[in-house]
Protein backbone atom coordinates (compact mmCIF):
# COMPACT_ATOMS: atom_id res chain seq x y z
CA MET A 1 -110.02 243.02 -54.81
CA SER A 2 -109.17 244.51 -58.52
CA GLU A 3 -111.32 246.71 -60.46
CA GLN A 4 -115.31 245.49 -60.42
CA HIS A 5 -115.31 243.80 -64.27
CA THR A 6 -118.01 246.02 -65.49
CA GLU A 7 -115.81 249.24 -65.14
CA ARG A 8 -112.51 247.89 -67.07
CA GLU A 9 -111.50 249.74 -69.88
CA HIS A 10 -111.93 247.63 -72.86
CA ALA A 11 -109.36 247.32 -76.08
CA ARG A 12 -109.48 248.10 -79.35
CA LEU A 13 -108.01 244.59 -80.42
CA SER A 14 -109.55 242.63 -77.23
CA PRO A 15 -108.53 239.28 -76.93
CA SER A 16 -111.67 237.64 -76.40
CA ALA A 17 -112.86 238.46 -79.83
CA SER A 18 -109.67 237.65 -81.50
CA SER A 19 -110.76 234.61 -82.98
CA ARG A 20 -112.63 237.21 -84.94
CA TRP A 21 -109.85 239.78 -86.26
CA MET A 22 -107.74 237.65 -86.11
CA ILE A 23 -110.07 236.29 -89.80
CA CYS A 24 -111.61 238.78 -90.27
CA THR A 25 -109.62 241.78 -89.57
CA GLY A 26 -111.88 244.60 -91.31
CA SER A 27 -114.12 243.53 -88.78
CA ILE A 28 -112.49 245.88 -85.93
CA GLN A 29 -113.52 249.41 -88.66
CA LEU A 30 -116.70 248.02 -89.62
CA GLY A 31 -118.01 247.07 -86.08
CA GLU A 32 -117.16 250.58 -85.03
CA ARG A 33 -118.89 251.75 -87.56
CA VAL A 34 -121.96 250.56 -86.37
CA GLU A 35 -121.54 251.06 -82.77
CA ALA A 36 -121.57 254.30 -83.72
CA VAL A 37 -125.08 254.57 -84.50
CA PHE A 38 -126.06 251.29 -83.20
CA PRO A 39 -124.30 251.03 -80.16
CA GLU A 40 -124.31 247.18 -78.61
CA LYS A 41 -126.29 246.34 -75.06
CA ASP A 42 -125.14 244.31 -72.56
CA SER A 43 -127.39 241.26 -72.07
CA PRO A 44 -128.62 239.24 -69.41
CA PHE A 45 -126.58 236.40 -69.89
CA ALA A 46 -123.51 238.99 -69.94
CA ALA A 47 -123.70 240.67 -67.32
CA GLU A 48 -124.58 236.87 -65.77
CA GLY A 49 -121.13 235.81 -66.76
CA THR A 50 -119.73 239.53 -65.44
CA GLN A 51 -121.11 238.43 -62.25
CA ALA A 52 -119.59 234.80 -62.06
CA HIS A 53 -117.06 236.24 -62.64
CA GLU A 54 -116.48 238.74 -59.70
CA TRP A 55 -117.52 236.03 -57.49
CA ALA A 56 -114.80 233.21 -58.78
CA GLU A 57 -112.05 235.92 -58.65
CA LYS A 58 -113.39 237.15 -55.04
CA LEU A 59 -113.33 232.81 -54.24
CA LEU A 60 -109.68 232.88 -55.34
CA ARG A 61 -108.57 236.06 -53.89
CA SER A 62 -109.63 234.31 -50.48
CA GLU A 63 -108.20 231.05 -51.15
CA TYR A 64 -104.77 231.95 -52.22
CA GLU A 65 -104.72 235.93 -51.24
CA ASP A 66 -105.81 238.41 -47.71
CA GLY A 67 -109.17 238.27 -49.94
CA GLU A 68 -112.71 238.04 -48.04
CA PHE A 69 -115.79 235.85 -49.55
CA ASP A 70 -118.77 235.35 -48.47
CA PRO A 71 -120.90 231.82 -49.67
CA ASP A 72 -124.56 232.83 -48.67
CA ALA A 73 -124.18 236.05 -51.28
CA VAL A 74 -124.13 233.47 -54.18
CA PRO A 75 -126.73 232.31 -56.31
CA GLU A 76 -126.70 228.56 -55.49
CA GLU A 77 -126.23 227.19 -58.45
CA MET A 78 -123.38 229.80 -59.63
CA LEU A 79 -121.90 229.16 -56.57
CA LYS A 80 -121.42 224.95 -57.24
CA HIS A 81 -119.24 226.14 -60.76
CA ILE A 82 -117.08 229.12 -59.19
CA GLU A 83 -116.42 225.73 -56.55
CA GLY A 84 -115.79 223.28 -58.94
CA TYR A 85 -113.57 226.03 -61.14
CA ALA A 86 -111.52 227.64 -57.89
CA ASP A 87 -111.32 223.14 -57.24
CA TYR A 88 -109.33 222.66 -60.98
CA ILE A 89 -107.00 225.23 -60.39
CA ALA A 90 -106.67 223.56 -56.89
CA ASP A 91 -105.71 221.20 -58.37
CA ILE A 92 -103.41 222.40 -61.02
CA VAL A 93 -101.51 223.95 -57.86
CA PHE A 94 -101.45 220.49 -55.63
CA ASP A 95 -99.86 218.46 -59.07
CA THR A 96 -96.84 221.22 -59.53
CA GLY A 97 -97.37 223.85 -55.96
CA GLY A 98 -97.00 226.19 -59.25
CA ASP A 99 -97.45 230.11 -57.75
CA VAL A 100 -100.98 231.70 -58.79
CA LEU A 101 -101.11 234.56 -60.48
CA ILE A 102 -105.65 235.99 -60.06
CA GLU A 103 -107.18 238.66 -62.51
CA GLN A 104 -103.68 239.58 -64.46
CA LYS A 105 -104.43 242.22 -66.38
CA VAL A 106 -101.64 241.63 -69.82
CA ASP A 107 -100.00 244.07 -71.73
CA THR A 108 -99.21 241.78 -74.65
CA GLY A 109 -96.90 244.32 -76.29
CA ILE A 110 -99.06 244.40 -79.50
CA ASP A 111 -100.75 247.64 -80.61
CA GLN A 112 -103.98 248.56 -79.03
CA CYS A 113 -104.37 245.12 -77.23
CA TRP A 114 -104.61 244.05 -73.65
CA GLY A 115 -106.89 242.20 -71.78
CA THR A 116 -107.68 240.09 -68.27
CA LEU A 117 -106.29 236.78 -67.53
CA ASP A 118 -108.64 235.09 -65.22
CA CYS A 119 -106.44 232.95 -63.61
CA ALA A 120 -102.25 231.33 -64.37
CA VAL A 121 -100.37 229.30 -62.58
CA VAL A 122 -96.55 229.41 -62.70
CA GLU A 123 -94.78 226.36 -62.34
CA GLN A 124 -90.67 226.35 -62.00
CA ASP A 125 -89.78 223.54 -63.39
CA GLY A 126 -90.89 226.22 -66.71
CA THR A 127 -94.90 225.02 -67.39
CA LEU A 128 -97.12 228.36 -67.68
CA HIS A 129 -100.93 227.14 -67.08
CA ILE A 130 -103.38 229.84 -68.72
CA ILE A 131 -107.27 229.17 -67.07
CA ASP A 132 -109.99 230.71 -68.55
CA PHE A 133 -113.46 230.21 -66.90
CA LYS A 134 -116.47 230.68 -68.95
CA TYR A 135 -119.89 231.07 -67.51
CA GLY A 136 -121.89 230.75 -71.00
CA GLN A 137 -123.99 228.06 -72.02
CA GLY A 138 -124.85 227.93 -75.82
CA VAL A 139 -121.33 227.59 -77.47
CA ALA A 140 -118.84 225.02 -76.57
CA VAL A 141 -115.56 226.68 -76.16
CA SER A 142 -112.04 224.61 -77.31
CA ALA A 143 -108.45 224.88 -75.17
CA GLU A 144 -106.61 224.24 -78.89
CA MET A 145 -104.97 226.49 -81.19
CA ASN A 146 -107.44 229.26 -78.64
CA TYR A 147 -106.44 232.89 -79.57
CA GLN A 148 -107.42 234.53 -76.75
CA LEU A 149 -105.26 232.28 -74.23
CA MET A 150 -102.51 232.13 -76.72
CA ILE A 151 -102.66 236.34 -76.67
CA TYR A 152 -102.62 236.18 -72.29
CA ALA A 153 -99.93 233.81 -72.37
CA LEU A 154 -97.84 236.63 -74.32
CA GLY A 155 -98.34 239.05 -71.81
CA ILE A 156 -98.20 236.10 -68.39
CA LEU A 157 -94.61 235.41 -70.19
CA LYS A 158 -93.53 239.48 -70.06
CA LYS A 159 -94.52 239.33 -66.47
CA VAL A 160 -92.05 236.07 -65.45
CA LYS A 161 -89.38 237.09 -67.29
CA GLY A 162 -86.92 236.25 -64.93
CA LEU A 163 -88.57 232.89 -65.27
CA LYS A 164 -87.29 230.50 -68.54
CA ILE A 165 -90.97 228.93 -69.84
CA ARG A 166 -90.23 225.70 -71.26
CA LYS A 167 -94.58 224.60 -72.29
CA VAL A 168 -97.70 226.23 -71.70
CA LYS A 169 -100.77 224.55 -71.05
CA TYR A 170 -104.16 226.32 -71.63
CA HIS A 171 -107.20 225.65 -69.74
CA ILE A 172 -110.84 226.30 -70.34
CA TYR A 173 -113.40 225.52 -67.55
CA GLN A 174 -116.71 226.13 -68.77
CA PRO A 175 -118.79 223.97 -66.22
CA ARG A 176 -122.50 224.11 -67.84
CA ILE A 177 -122.26 223.09 -71.09
CA ALA A 178 -120.87 219.31 -72.67
CA GLY A 179 -117.31 219.48 -73.31
CA GLY A 180 -116.71 222.14 -71.91
CA VAL A 181 -113.93 221.33 -69.48
CA ASN A 182 -110.50 220.72 -71.83
CA SER A 183 -106.85 221.58 -72.25
CA TRP A 184 -104.09 221.76 -75.04
CA GLU A 185 -100.81 222.17 -74.25
CA HIS A 186 -97.78 223.50 -76.82
CA LYS A 187 -94.23 223.86 -76.04
CA ALA A 188 -93.34 227.58 -75.24
CA ALA A 189 -90.73 228.44 -78.42
CA ARG A 190 -94.34 227.52 -80.85
CA LEU A 191 -95.85 230.70 -78.99
CA LYS A 192 -92.90 233.05 -80.03
CA GLU A 193 -93.65 231.37 -83.63
CA LEU A 194 -97.76 231.91 -82.98
CA SER A 195 -96.67 235.61 -81.88
CA LYS A 196 -95.31 237.29 -85.58
CA THR A 197 -98.79 235.81 -86.42
CA ILE A 198 -100.89 237.39 -84.17
CA GLU A 199 -99.02 240.27 -84.82
CA GLY A 200 -99.27 240.78 -88.55
CA GLN A 201 -102.55 240.05 -88.06
CA ALA A 202 -103.39 242.58 -85.54
CA LYS A 203 -101.76 245.36 -87.64
CA ILE A 204 -103.62 244.44 -90.83
CA ALA A 205 -107.33 244.69 -88.36
CA LEU A 206 -106.41 248.13 -87.31
CA SER A 207 -105.38 250.05 -91.01
CA ASP A 208 -107.46 250.48 -93.69
CA ASP A 209 -105.83 247.39 -95.34
CA GLY A 210 -108.66 244.91 -93.46
CA THR A 211 -110.29 242.16 -95.09
CA ILE A 212 -114.17 240.99 -94.79
CA VAL A 213 -114.87 237.05 -94.12
CA SER A 214 -117.12 235.52 -93.70
CA GLY A 215 -117.69 231.89 -90.87
CA LYS A 216 -118.93 230.88 -87.52
CA HIS A 217 -117.04 233.70 -85.41
CA CYS A 218 -119.81 236.07 -86.66
CA LYS A 219 -122.29 234.91 -83.81
CA TRP A 220 -120.11 237.32 -81.94
CA CYS A 221 -119.55 240.48 -84.30
CA PRO A 222 -121.77 243.75 -83.50
CA ALA A 223 -121.00 244.13 -87.28
CA ALA A 224 -123.00 241.07 -88.69
CA PRO A 225 -126.80 242.79 -88.93
CA MET A 226 -125.03 244.82 -91.90
CA CYS A 227 -122.04 242.94 -92.86
CA PRO A 228 -122.33 242.73 -97.03
CA VAL A 229 -120.82 239.64 -97.14
CA LEU A 230 -122.18 238.49 -94.78
CA SER A 231 -125.56 239.09 -96.47
CA LYS A 232 -123.86 238.44 -99.94
CA GLU A 233 -123.06 234.72 -99.09
CA VAL A 234 -126.11 234.04 -97.25
CA ILE A 235 -128.29 234.85 -101.17
CA GLU A 236 -125.87 233.38 -102.87
CA LYS A 237 -126.48 229.92 -100.93
CA VAL A 238 -129.79 229.78 -100.50
CA SER A 239 -130.19 231.14 -104.28
CA GLU A 240 -128.02 227.17 -105.53
CA ASN A 241 -130.10 225.05 -107.13
CA PRO A 242 -132.20 222.80 -104.96
CA LYS A 243 -131.61 219.96 -106.70
CA LEU A 244 -127.87 219.64 -105.48
CA MET A 245 -129.73 218.63 -101.69
CA ILE A 246 -129.10 215.17 -102.65
CA ASP A 247 -125.58 214.96 -102.58
CA PRO A 248 -123.85 215.14 -99.18
CA ALA A 249 -121.25 217.79 -99.55
CA TYR A 250 -123.69 220.02 -101.38
CA MET A 251 -125.56 219.60 -98.23
CA GLY A 252 -122.87 219.74 -95.92
CA ARG A 253 -121.67 223.35 -97.31
CA LEU A 254 -125.72 224.23 -97.59
CA LEU A 255 -126.26 223.15 -93.63
CA LYS A 256 -122.69 225.54 -92.75
CA ALA A 257 -124.48 228.24 -94.49
CA ALA A 258 -127.93 228.28 -92.74
CA THR A 259 -126.49 228.77 -89.96
CA ILE A 260 -124.56 231.55 -90.10
CA ALA A 261 -127.90 232.91 -91.69
CA GLU A 262 -129.58 231.59 -88.59
CA GLU A 263 -127.17 233.60 -86.74
CA TRP A 264 -127.06 236.35 -88.75
CA ALA A 265 -131.15 236.60 -89.22
CA LYS A 266 -130.95 236.85 -85.12
CA GLU A 267 -128.92 239.81 -85.73
CA VAL A 268 -131.29 241.44 -88.10
CA TRP A 269 -133.86 240.87 -86.68
CA SER A 270 -132.70 242.41 -83.28
CA PHE A 271 -131.07 245.35 -85.19
CA ALA A 272 -134.23 246.42 -86.18
CA ARG A 273 -136.34 246.18 -83.37
CA VAL A 274 -133.73 248.83 -82.05
CA ARG A 275 -134.02 250.89 -84.69
CA ALA A 276 -138.09 250.58 -84.70
CA ASP A 277 -137.98 251.30 -80.66
CA GLU A 278 -136.36 255.10 -81.65
CA GLY A 279 -139.13 255.33 -84.49
CA GLN A 280 -137.29 254.04 -87.63
CA VAL A 281 -140.10 251.08 -87.99
CA PRO A 282 -139.00 249.25 -91.30
CA ASP A 283 -141.17 249.37 -94.34
CA GLY A 284 -143.18 246.70 -94.17
CA PHE A 285 -143.58 245.71 -90.40
CA LYS A 286 -145.24 247.31 -87.71
CA MET A 287 -144.75 247.55 -84.07
CA VAL A 288 -147.94 245.30 -81.73
CA ARG A 289 -148.06 243.92 -78.65
CA LYS A 290 -147.56 240.43 -77.78
CA ARG A 291 -150.34 238.25 -75.77
CA THR A 292 -150.04 237.68 -72.91
CA ASN A 293 -151.76 235.07 -70.24
CA ARG A 294 -153.68 235.66 -66.35
CA SER A 295 -151.55 236.32 -63.43
CA TRP A 296 -152.31 236.83 -60.32
CA LYS A 297 -152.59 239.97 -58.62
CA ALA A 298 -149.94 240.39 -55.95
CA ASP A 299 -150.40 239.38 -52.62
CA VAL A 300 -153.68 237.35 -53.44
CA GLU A 301 -152.04 233.98 -51.88
CA LYS A 302 -153.49 234.29 -48.69
CA VAL A 303 -156.26 235.20 -49.26
CA ILE A 304 -157.09 232.58 -51.84
CA GLU A 305 -154.98 229.82 -49.82
CA ALA A 306 -157.82 231.00 -46.52
CA ASP A 307 -160.92 230.92 -48.60
CA LEU A 308 -159.88 227.15 -50.87
CA GLY A 309 -157.27 225.69 -49.05
CA THR A 310 -155.01 222.96 -50.17
CA ASP A 311 -157.49 223.21 -53.16
CA ALA A 312 -155.82 226.17 -54.61
CA TYR A 313 -152.45 224.26 -54.86
CA THR A 314 -150.86 220.95 -57.26
CA PRO A 315 -148.74 218.45 -55.79
CA LYS A 316 -145.55 218.50 -58.03
CA LEU A 317 -142.52 215.72 -57.57
CA LYS A 318 -139.78 217.39 -56.86
CA THR A 319 -137.05 216.54 -59.71
CA PRO A 320 -133.67 214.13 -58.97
CA ALA A 321 -131.71 216.86 -58.41
CA GLN A 322 -134.08 218.32 -55.84
CA LEU A 323 -134.43 214.91 -54.05
CA GLU A 324 -130.74 214.82 -53.72
CA LYS A 325 -130.24 217.46 -51.02
CA ILE A 326 -132.51 216.13 -49.47
CA ALA A 327 -132.41 212.44 -49.21
CA GLY A 328 -128.79 212.05 -51.05
CA LYS A 329 -127.54 210.88 -53.99
CA PRO A 330 -127.51 207.14 -53.15
CA TYR A 331 -130.93 207.43 -52.56
CA VAL A 332 -131.90 208.87 -55.50
CA ALA A 333 -129.04 206.61 -58.08
CA LYS A 334 -131.45 203.82 -56.80
CA LEU A 335 -134.62 205.32 -57.84
CA CYS A 336 -133.66 207.31 -61.22
CA GLU A 337 -133.49 206.44 -64.52
CA LYS A 338 -131.35 208.25 -67.76
CA LYS A 339 -132.48 207.28 -71.04
CA GLU A 340 -130.67 207.08 -74.29
CA GLY A 341 -131.18 210.56 -76.03
CA GLU A 342 -132.47 210.60 -79.69
CA LEU A 343 -130.61 211.29 -82.52
CA THR A 344 -129.42 214.51 -83.89
CA LEU A 345 -127.35 216.52 -86.60
CA VAL A 346 -124.55 218.26 -85.48
CA VAL A 347 -121.62 220.21 -86.58
CA GLU A 348 -118.22 217.85 -86.34
CA SER A 349 -116.03 219.45 -84.08
CA ASP A 350 -119.32 218.89 -81.07
CA PRO A 351 -117.23 217.34 -78.72
CA ARG A 352 -119.60 214.06 -77.99
CA GLU A 353 -118.77 210.87 -79.47
CA SER A 354 -120.06 210.31 -83.05
CA ILE A 355 -123.07 207.59 -83.52
CA ASN A 356 -123.24 205.85 -87.32
CA ALA A 357 -127.25 206.43 -87.64
CA ASN A 358 -127.34 203.04 -90.23
CA GLU A 359 -126.35 200.93 -87.38
CA THR A 360 -129.18 202.40 -84.44
CA ALA A 361 -131.68 201.64 -87.37
CA ALA A 362 -130.86 198.90 -88.65
CA LEU A 363 -130.75 197.20 -84.49
CA VAL A 364 -133.83 199.05 -83.59
CA PHE A 365 -135.54 197.11 -86.55
CA ALA A 366 -133.71 193.79 -85.48
CA GLU A 367 -135.23 194.31 -81.94
CA GLU A 368 -138.41 194.98 -82.76
CA GLY A 369 -138.50 192.21 -85.66
CA ALA A 370 -137.31 189.74 -82.41
């Protein structure tokens, strides 16, 4: 097995952050200045994702190399998802007979830009599959025009120089989110054209000529709480004429700005909280203790059970997913229903099917009047 994922050295131009520095070329230097005084801390979600990747790597190496894998050591839900990931790769290999490359460190040839690809499958007929395992469930990632995957593909092309690659197919395997498993492909010649654009933006990002540009990529930027462009945009948007709210075009722009503002506000609060922990409490604020609820002391369950018996417990019906493990899917399917979800407003890039709210409302009224 390769080195532990948490011990890997990170490139200054990380492929995983390329969706940001390709657009906001000034974010690299701004982020480094912020991190110098506000080091980024790993979140529980990041730690969970790292663990899932490490287990997924062990599983793949046990199937395609001489590695060992103990499924009993993996949390149940995580095991289900990494086995699904392995099955997805197995289907590609079965269909193509390609060679599997696991956790490949790729050097793109671009200054200070390298990374580690989760998996690649190389077909002898000249098709390269780039597969990225995403364990997060917050934001769906698309394979289409995904710069991270393109950078990985550039690195793999250098490793397989003896084989003429004609087509590149990118795969995102993100099992814990709707629409998370998707793919996109193009001819290899297009990647060579795109590489010039990637290299050009990388050079600017490393120079003093980078430009700060706000957008959805701000969500993952370490400099977001202190970004002058982002804060200015938020302030300008919320101060516009509220009478324009009836205009759908304006409302669309405002909602997009509000989404950015919401993420920015979270980053600002997080930044301020860390500084407050260090004794630098912002003016007009104070540190207090959160309210808590009563909880049982440790090791009192046996005492309560002895005194009160079954009166100490509340029976609760298991969920359909839990009962499937006992009675099987056919049994549960006969007793289950899945109601239609309520309408909600999302951005156009959301993978779910669009619903005409007017038609839906008309249908409801017609049924009520029948």
